[in-house]
Each structure stands twice: as structure tokens, then as C-alpha cells.
């Protein structure tokens, strides 16, 4: 969890505040709204790391995050969210999805000038919620991705080549710890072909309750 927060904090906080500052004189109303979005995101992100949350709350935080990033990147960043109402109350580990979205933007956008699209989908899959975060960005080498996930978040954080993979490795490890190895991430990617991260979360799991 410390590794995740270290990843979020320096880059996102600096960029967000710089973007908000750019609107203070030209569009003070928008600057105010963005500050409120930033405050909501920060309040959620720095809660107790042992907490579980609901999918609805995690998506609400992601919405604030994407609005702040959209203010920075403008129309280059496009996103959509498709969620089945039945899975909104499902409990999941705190910060399970936001790092996947951040990873998509930081790694997937790279220096591309073309519009970059992220799609978040959460579907009802019987006893589970099936969730995916998909982007049409630069993609990754599948072999390198397997190395990152196998090495775990600490190794990814130390390896500069895996800097963008620390979020993936961290979420993968936490899901396996809570639900078992069969609930690790599955990732579809190739260089130049975008990335789709899939995860499954049981609707009901012993000891997993939203706080």
C-alpha cells in the first residue's frame, strides 16, 4: 500500500495542482470545481489501507481522478464507464481499480498526440463481478508483463523498466492474498495494441465487508 501511495502522490498531486493553478485566473469557477474533485480524491485515497470499499465508491473516486486528468490533457483523454447496477454494492479491496486506470494513463498514453481512450466495464457474472480496464494505447510486451507480475510490486518499483507496472503487480498480489491465486489479474496486451486488464471479484467473500 505504501508503494501504491508513493506512486500516486508525487506525480498526480503535482500535476493536478499545477493544472488547477492554470485555471485560477482564466476560469476560477472551474478551478474551484477541480479543487473540490481533488479534495474528494485525496480523502478517499488516504483512508485506512486495510479498508475494503464498494465498487460504487471506487468508481466515484476514479471519476474524480479522470476529471482531473481530463483537465490536464483535454480532449486527448477520453473515457467511458459501463457498470451493471447489480454490482455497485460489491465489496473489494481499497484501491483495486484506481491504480489500473493510473497505469493506463501513465504508460498507455506515453507521448502520443492522438486521442487516448479508456473504457471501464463492470458486469454481473453470477457469483462474481467481472471488471475490465481497457485502453487503446501503446501496449506492452507480454513477456515483460509476465516478468513484472511474477516479480511482484517491490521488484517492479525498483526496476525502472517496470515503473508503470508497479500498480499492476500490487493489485495482482493483493487480490491473490484476499481471494486466492485464482483471482489474480489477467492482462491482454501487445506492443502497439493497447492493454486490457481483467479481474474478478466474488460478490460475497468471508471477512470482506465495505467499511
C-alpha atoms as a PDB file:
ATOM      1  CA  UNK A   1       0.000   0.000   0.000  1.00  0.00           C
ATOM      2  CA  UNK A   2       2.882   2.385   0.722  1.00  0.00           C
ATOM      3  CA  UNK A   3       4.258   1.630  -2.726  1.00  0.00           C
ATOM      4  CA  UNK A   4       0.910   2.465  -4.338  1.00  0.00           C
ATOM      5  CA  UNK A   5       0.571   5.714  -2.439  1.00  0.00           C
ATOM      6  CA  UNK A   6       4.131   6.707  -3.282  1.00  0.00           C
ATOM      7  CA  UNK A   7       3.246   6.165  -6.939  1.00  0.00           C
ATOM      8  CA  UNK A   8       0.061   8.226  -6.786  1.00  0.00           C
ATOM      9  CA  UNK A   9       1.284  11.055  -4.602  1.00  0.00           C
ATOM     10  CA  UNK A  10       4.230  12.819  -6.282  1.00  0.00           C
ATOM     11  CA  UNK A  11       3.112  12.704  -9.918  1.00  0.00           C
ATOM     12  CA  UNK A  12      -0.611  13.106  -9.595  1.00  0.00           C
ATOM     13  CA  UNK A  13      -0.625  15.705  -6.812  1.00  0.00           C
ATOM     14  CA  UNK A  14       1.912  17.950  -8.540  1.00  0.00           C
ATOM     15  CA  UNK A  15       0.258  17.701 -11.947  1.00  0.00           C
ATOM     16  CA  UNK A  16      -3.228  18.239 -10.556  1.00  0.00           C
ATOM     17  CA  UNK A  17      -2.314  21.321  -8.546  1.00  0.00           C
ATOM     18  CA  UNK A  18      -0.376  22.782 -11.471  1.00  0.00           C
ATOM     19  CA  UNK A  19      -3.381  22.253 -13.741  1.00  0.00           C
ATOM     20  CA  UNK A  20      -5.774  23.815 -11.222  1.00  0.00           C
ATOM     21  CA  UNK A  21      -3.447  26.804 -10.826  1.00  0.00           C
ATOM     22  CA  UNK A  22      -3.597  27.380 -14.586  1.00  0.00           C
ATOM     23  CA  UNK A  23      -7.370  27.936 -14.343  1.00  0.00           C
ATOM     24  CA  UNK A  24      -7.381  30.234 -11.289  1.00  0.00           C
ATOM     25  CA  UNK A  25      -7.366  33.464 -13.322  1.00  0.00           C
ATOM     26  CA  UNK A  26      -8.873  32.342 -16.615  1.00  0.00           C
ATOM     27  CA  UNK A  27     -11.703  30.173 -15.245  1.00  0.00           C
ATOM     28  CA  UNK A  28     -11.999  30.474 -11.440  1.00  0.00           C
ATOM     29  CA  UNK A  29     -15.260  28.504 -11.304  1.00  0.00           C
ATOM     30  CA  UNK A  30     -13.625  25.529 -12.987  1.00  0.00           C
ATOM     31  CA  UNK A  31     -10.603  25.855 -10.698  1.00  0.00           C
ATOM     32  CA  UNK A  32     -12.944  25.685  -7.697  1.00  0.00           C
ATOM     33  CA  UNK A  33     -14.704  22.584  -9.033  1.00  0.00           C
ATOM     34  CA  UNK A  34     -11.377  20.889  -9.725  1.00  0.00           C
ATOM     35  CA  UNK A  35     -10.155  21.683  -6.214  1.00  0.00           C
ATOM     36  CA  UNK A  36     -13.251  20.009  -4.783  1.00  0.00           C
ATOM     37  CA  UNK A  37     -12.651  16.989  -7.035  1.00  0.00           C
ATOM     38  CA  UNK A  38      -9.050  16.869  -5.846  1.00  0.00           C
ATOM     39  CA  UNK A  39     -10.121  17.066  -2.198  1.00  0.00           C
ATOM     40  CA  UNK A  40     -12.611  14.202  -2.664  1.00  0.00           C
ATOM     41  CA  UNK A  41      -9.985  12.075  -4.387  1.00  0.00           C
ATOM     42  CA  UNK A  42      -7.372  12.772  -1.691  1.00  0.00           C
ATOM     43  CA  UNK A  43      -9.818  11.990   1.123  1.00  0.00           C
ATOM     44  CA  UNK A  44     -10.602   8.633  -0.426  1.00  0.00           C
ATOM     45  CA  UNK A  45      -7.014   7.732  -1.343  1.00  0.00           C
ATOM     46  CA  UNK A  46      -5.563   8.287   2.112  1.00  0.00           C
ATOM     47  CA  UNK A  47      -8.062   6.355   4.176  1.00  0.00           C
ATOM     48  CA  UNK A  48      -7.095   3.260   6.191  1.00  0.00           C
ATOM     49  CA  UNK A  49      -5.150   0.956   3.826  1.00  0.00           C
ATOM     50  CA  UNK A  50      -6.749  -2.133   5.405  1.00  0.00           C
ATOM     51  CA  UNK A  51     -10.210  -0.955   4.408  1.00  0.00           C
ATOM     52  CA  UNK A  52     -12.456  -2.643   1.931  1.00  0.00           C
ATOM     53  CA  UNK A  53     -14.689  -0.431  -0.142  1.00  0.00           C
ATOM     54  CA  UNK A  54     -17.590  -0.808  -2.545  1.00  0.00           C
ATOM     55  CA  UNK A  55     -17.264  -0.827  -6.298  1.00  0.00           C
ATOM     56  CA  UNK A  56     -19.500   2.259  -6.339  1.00  0.00           C
ATOM     57  CA  UNK A  57     -17.105   4.219  -4.086  1.00  0.00           C
ATOM     58  CA  UNK A  58     -14.033   3.069  -6.021  1.00  0.00           C
ATOM     59  CA  UNK A  59     -15.645   4.177  -9.291  1.00  0.00           C
ATOM     60  CA  UNK A  60     -16.643   7.505  -7.759  1.00  0.00           C
ATOM     61  CA  UNK A  61     -13.009   8.138  -6.827  1.00  0.00           C
ATOM     62  CA  UNK A  62     -11.880   7.118 -10.319  1.00  0.00           C
ATOM     63  CA  UNK A  63     -14.362   9.595 -11.783  1.00  0.00           C
ATOM     64  CA  UNK A  64     -12.712  12.396  -9.778  1.00  0.00           C
ATOM     65  CA  UNK A  65      -9.295  11.190 -10.878  1.00  0.00           C
ATOM     66  CA  UNK A  66     -10.266  11.132 -14.551  1.00  0.00           C
ATOM     67  CA  UNK A  67     -11.850  14.583 -14.367  1.00  0.00           C
ATOM     68  CA  UNK A  68      -8.588  15.970 -13.011  1.00  0.00           C
ATOM     69  CA  UNK A  69      -6.557  14.203 -15.686  1.00  0.00           C
ATOM     70  CA  UNK A  70      -9.000  15.376 -18.356  1.00  0.00           C
ATOM     71  CA  UNK A  71      -8.416  18.961 -17.226  1.00  0.00           C
ATOM     72  CA  UNK A  72      -4.716  18.370 -17.796  1.00  0.00           C
ATOM     73  CA  UNK A  73      -4.855  16.511 -21.122  1.00  0.00           C
ATOM     74  CA  UNK A  74      -8.006  17.991 -22.615  1.00  0.00           C
ATOM     75  CA  UNK A  75      -9.691  16.118 -25.448  1.00  0.00           C
ATOM     76  CA  UNK A  76      -6.673  13.833 -25.836  1.00  0.00           C
ATOM     77  CA  UNK A  77      -8.070  11.810 -22.928  1.00  0.00           C
ATOM     78  CA  UNK A  78     -11.450  10.162 -23.495  1.00  0.00           C
ATOM     79  CA  UNK A  79     -13.116   7.679 -21.189  1.00  0.00           C
ATOM     80  CA  UNK A  80     -16.319   5.750 -20.700  1.00  0.00           C
ATOM     81  CA  UNK A  81     -17.733   3.706 -17.825  1.00  0.00           C
ATOM     82  CA  UNK A  82     -20.259   0.908 -18.238  1.00  0.00           C
ATOM     83  CA  UNK A  83     -21.451  -0.669 -14.992  1.00  0.00           C
ATOM     84  CA  UNK A  84     -24.262  -3.101 -14.209  1.00  0.00           C
ATOM     85  CA  UNK A  85     -26.226  -1.675 -11.246  1.00  0.00           C
ATOM     86  CA  UNK A  86     -26.254  -5.115  -9.590  1.00  0.00           C
ATOM     87  CA  UNK A  87     -22.504  -5.000  -8.914  1.00  0.00           C
ATOM     88  CA  UNK A  88     -22.236  -1.476  -7.483  1.00  0.00           C
ATOM     89  CA  UNK A  89     -22.544  -2.694  -3.837  1.00  0.00           C
ATOM     90  CA  UNK A  90     -19.890  -5.421  -4.271  1.00  0.00           C
ATOM     91  CA  UNK A  91     -17.051  -5.116  -1.730  1.00  0.00           C
ATOM     92  CA  UNK A  92     -13.461  -5.148  -2.931  1.00  0.00           C
ATOM     93  CA  UNK A  93     -10.034  -4.177  -1.539  1.00  0.00           C
ATOM     94  CA  UNK A  94      -9.464  -0.445  -1.303  1.00  0.00           C
ATOM     95  CA  UNK A  95      -7.558   0.958  -4.321  1.00  0.00           C
ATOM     96  CA  UNK A  96      -8.075  -2.090  -6.529  1.00  0.00           C
ATOM     97  CA  UNK A  97      -9.110  -0.229  -9.687  1.00  0.00           C
ATOM     98  CA  UNK A  98      -7.665   3.281  -9.488  1.00  0.00           C
ATOM     99  CA  UNK A  99      -4.044   2.075  -9.901  1.00  0.00           C
ATOM    100  CA  UNK A 100      -5.079   0.217 -13.065  1.00  0.00           C
ATOM    101  CA  UNK A 101      -6.542   3.410 -14.533  1.00  0.00           C
ATOM    102  CA  UNK A 102      -3.494   5.427 -13.495  1.00  0.00           C
ATOM    103  CA  UNK A 103      -1.225   2.793 -15.024  1.00  0.00           C
ATOM    104  CA  UNK A 104      -3.186   3.002 -18.284  1.00  0.00           C
ATOM    105  CA  UNK A 105      -2.724   6.769 -18.487  1.00  0.00           C
ATOM    106  CA  UNK A 106       0.911   6.904 -17.389  1.00  0.00           C
ATOM    107  CA  UNK A 107       2.065   4.028 -19.563  1.00  0.00           C
ATOM    108  CA  UNK A 108      -0.533   3.806 -22.327  1.00  0.00           C
ATOM    109  CA  UNK A 109      -0.588   7.451 -23.367  1.00  0.00           C
ATOM    110  CA  UNK A 110       3.197   7.773 -23.493  1.00  0.00           C
ATOM    111  CA  UNK A 111       3.903  10.751 -25.801  1.00  0.00           C
ATOM    112  CA  UNK A 112       1.109  10.056 -28.252  1.00  0.00           C
ATOM    113  CA  UNK A 113      -0.771  13.063 -29.587  1.00  0.00           C
ATOM    114  CA  UNK A 114      -3.749  11.087 -30.832  1.00  0.00           C
ATOM    115  CA  UNK A 115      -6.854  10.738 -28.613  1.00  0.00           C
ATOM    116  CA  UNK A 116      -6.376   8.105 -25.916  1.00  0.00           C
ATOM    117  CA  UNK A 117      -9.399   6.106 -24.800  1.00  0.00           C
ATOM    118  CA  UNK A 118     -10.050   4.233 -21.566  1.00  0.00           C
ATOM    119  CA  UNK A 119     -13.088   2.042 -21.053  1.00  0.00           C
ATOM    120  CA  UNK A 120     -14.082   0.656 -17.656  1.00  0.00           C
ATOM    121  CA  UNK A 121     -16.653  -2.141 -17.675  1.00  0.00           C
ATOM    122  CA  UNK A 122     -18.144  -3.969 -14.693  1.00  0.00           C
ATOM    123  CA  UNK A 123     -20.598  -6.794 -15.366  1.00  0.00           C
ATOM    124  CA  UNK A 124     -22.668  -9.195 -13.309  1.00  0.00           C
ATOM    125  CA  UNK A 125     -21.129 -12.675 -13.721  1.00  0.00           C
ATOM    126  CA  UNK A 126     -23.252 -14.819 -11.427  1.00  0.00           C
ATOM    127  CA  UNK A 127     -21.394 -15.197  -8.122  1.00  0.00           C
ATOM    128  CA  UNK A 128     -18.776 -12.679  -9.230  1.00  0.00           C
ATOM    129  CA  UNK A 129     -18.340  -9.173 -10.593  1.00  0.00           C
ATOM    130  CA  UNK A 130     -16.262  -9.180 -13.792  1.00  0.00           C
ATOM    131  CA  UNK A 131     -14.357  -5.917 -14.229  1.00  0.00           C
ATOM    132  CA  UNK A 132     -12.080  -4.705 -17.004  1.00  0.00           C
ATOM    133  CA  UNK A 133      -9.978  -1.600 -17.624  1.00  0.00           C
ATOM    134  CA  UNK A 134      -9.108  -1.282 -21.322  1.00  0.00           C
ATOM    135  CA  UNK A 135      -7.117   1.307 -23.238  1.00  0.00           C
ATOM    136  CA  UNK A 136      -6.058   1.751 -26.855  1.00  0.00           C
ATOM    137  CA  UNK A 137      -2.557   2.972 -26.020  1.00  0.00           C
ATOM    138  CA  UNK A 138       0.963   1.761 -26.743  1.00  0.00           C
ATOM    139  CA  UNK A 139       0.528  -1.652 -25.116  1.00  0.00           C
ATOM    140  CA  UNK A 140       3.285  -3.793 -23.586  1.00  0.00           C
ATOM    141  CA  UNK A 141       5.449  -6.733 -24.477  1.00  0.00           C
ATOM    142  CA  UNK A 142       3.615  -9.760 -22.996  1.00  0.00           C
ATOM    143  CA  UNK A 143       6.881 -11.359 -21.878  1.00  0.00           C
ATOM    144  CA  UNK A 144       7.902  -8.230 -19.985  1.00  0.00           C
ATOM    145  CA  UNK A 145       4.462  -8.060 -18.400  1.00  0.00           C
ATOM    146  CA  UNK A 146       4.754 -11.644 -17.150  1.00  0.00           C
ATOM    147  CA  UNK A 147       8.111 -10.771 -15.589  1.00  0.00           C
ATOM    148  CA  UNK A 148       6.605  -7.782 -13.764  1.00  0.00           C
ATOM    149  CA  UNK A 149       3.676  -9.754 -12.352  1.00  0.00           C
ATOM    150  CA  UNK A 150       5.874 -12.693 -11.358  1.00  0.00           C
ATOM    151  CA  UNK A 151       8.410 -10.452  -9.599  1.00  0.00           C
ATOM    152  CA  UNK A 152       5.796  -8.611  -7.518  1.00  0.00           C
ATOM    153  CA  UNK A 153       5.344  -4.918  -6.678  1.00  0.00           C
ATOM    154  CA  UNK A 154       8.603  -4.352  -4.783  1.00  0.00           C
ATOM    155  CA  UNK A 155      10.733  -5.581  -7.676  1.00  0.00           C
ATOM    156  CA  UNK A 156       8.629  -3.585 -10.145  1.00  0.00           C
ATOM    157  CA  UNK A 157       9.175  -0.457  -8.085  1.00  0.00           C
ATOM    158  CA  UNK A 158      12.965  -0.939  -8.010  1.00  0.00           C
ATOM    159  CA  UNK A 159      13.200  -1.682 -11.743  1.00  0.00           C
ATOM    160  CA  UNK A 160      12.882   1.476 -13.856  1.00  0.00           C
ATOM    161  CA  UNK A 161      11.726  -0.594 -16.813  1.00  0.00           C
ATOM    162  CA  UNK A 162       8.779  -1.755 -14.704  1.00  0.00           C
ATOM    163  CA  UNK A 163       7.855   1.633 -13.283  1.00  0.00           C
ATOM    164  CA  UNK A 164       4.479   1.619 -14.968  1.00  0.00           C
ATOM    165  CA  UNK A 165       3.909  -1.960 -13.786  1.00  0.00           C
ATOM    166  CA  UNK A 166       4.037  -1.362 -10.046  1.00  0.00           C
ATOM    167  CA  UNK A 167       0.283  -0.684  -9.947  1.00  0.00           C
ATOM    168  CA  UNK A 168      -0.491  -3.880 -11.864  1.00  0.00           C
ATOM    169  CA  UNK A 169       1.811  -6.011  -9.708  1.00  0.00           C
ATOM    170  CA  UNK A 170       0.484  -4.518  -6.468  1.00  0.00           C
ATOM    171  CA  UNK A 171      -3.180  -5.027  -7.325  1.00  0.00           C
ATOM    172  CA  UNK A 172      -2.484  -8.560  -8.579  1.00  0.00           C
ATOM    173  CA  UNK A 173      -0.739  -9.511  -5.339  1.00  0.00           C
ATOM    174  CA  UNK A 174      -3.436  -8.009  -3.105  1.00  0.00           C
ATOM    175  CA  UNK A 175      -6.279  -9.739  -4.954  1.00  0.00           C
ATOM    176  CA  UNK A 176      -4.481 -13.087  -4.625  1.00  0.00           C
ATOM    177  CA  UNK A 177      -3.894 -12.515  -0.920  1.00  0.00           C
ATOM    178  CA  UNK A 178      -7.560 -11.715  -0.243  1.00  0.00           C
ATOM    179  CA  UNK A 179      -9.356 -14.156  -2.564  1.00  0.00           C
ATOM    180  CA  UNK A 180      -6.801 -16.797  -3.605  1.00  0.00           C
ATOM    181  CA  UNK A 181      -4.470 -17.285  -6.564  1.00  0.00           C
ATOM    182  CA  UNK A 182      -7.328 -17.943  -8.979  1.00  0.00           C
ATOM    183  CA  UNK A 183      -8.366 -14.288  -8.616  1.00  0.00           C
ATOM    184  CA  UNK A 184      -5.177 -12.696  -9.933  1.00  0.00           C
ATOM    185  CA  UNK A 185      -5.236 -10.253 -12.822  1.00  0.00           C
ATOM    186  CA  UNK A 186      -5.345 -11.415 -16.426  1.00  0.00           C
ATOM    187  CA  UNK A 187      -3.936  -8.994 -18.972  1.00  0.00           C
ATOM    188  CA  UNK A 188      -4.366  -8.893 -22.748  1.00  0.00           C
ATOM    189  CA  UNK A 189      -1.742  -6.734 -24.421  1.00  0.00           C
ATOM    190  CA  UNK A 190       0.824  -6.443 -27.193  1.00  0.00           C
ATOM    191  CA  UNK A 191       3.106  -3.651 -28.341  1.00  0.00           C
ATOM    192  CA  UNK A 192       1.022  -1.126 -30.247  1.00  0.00           C
ATOM    193  CA  UNK A 193      -2.239  -2.956 -29.499  1.00  0.00           C
ATOM    194  CA  UNK A 194      -3.407  -1.384 -26.250  1.00  0.00           C
ATOM    195  CA  UNK A 195      -3.973  -3.140 -22.927  1.00  0.00           C
ATOM    196  CA  UNK A 196      -6.972  -4.786 -21.300  1.00  0.00           C
ATOM    197  CA  UNK A 197      -6.751  -5.717 -17.612  1.00  0.00           C
ATOM    198  CA  UNK A 198      -9.380  -8.146 -16.337  1.00  0.00           C
ATOM    199  CA  UNK A 199     -10.224  -9.001 -12.750  1.00  0.00           C
ATOM    200  CA  UNK A 200     -12.927 -10.938 -10.980  1.00  0.00           C
ATOM    201  CA  UNK A 201     -14.252 -10.209  -7.511  1.00  0.00           C
ATOM    202  CA  UNK A 202     -16.590 -12.553  -5.587  1.00  0.00           C
ATOM    203  CA  UNK A 203     -19.841 -10.847  -4.700  1.00  0.00           C
ATOM    204  CA  UNK A 204     -19.646 -12.384  -1.247  1.00  0.00           C
ATOM    205  CA  UNK A 205     -16.438 -13.460   0.460  1.00  0.00           C
ATOM    206  CA  UNK A 206     -15.906 -14.298   4.167  1.00  0.00           C
ATOM    207  CA  UNK A 207     -14.395 -11.373   6.047  1.00  0.00           C
ATOM    208  CA  UNK A 208     -14.728  -8.939   3.138  1.00  0.00           C
ATOM    209  CA  UNK A 209     -17.096  -6.111   4.025  1.00  0.00           C
ATOM    210  CA  UNK A 210     -17.079  -2.480   2.930  1.00  0.00           C
ATOM    211  CA  UNK A 211     -16.177  -0.089   5.777  1.00  0.00           C
END
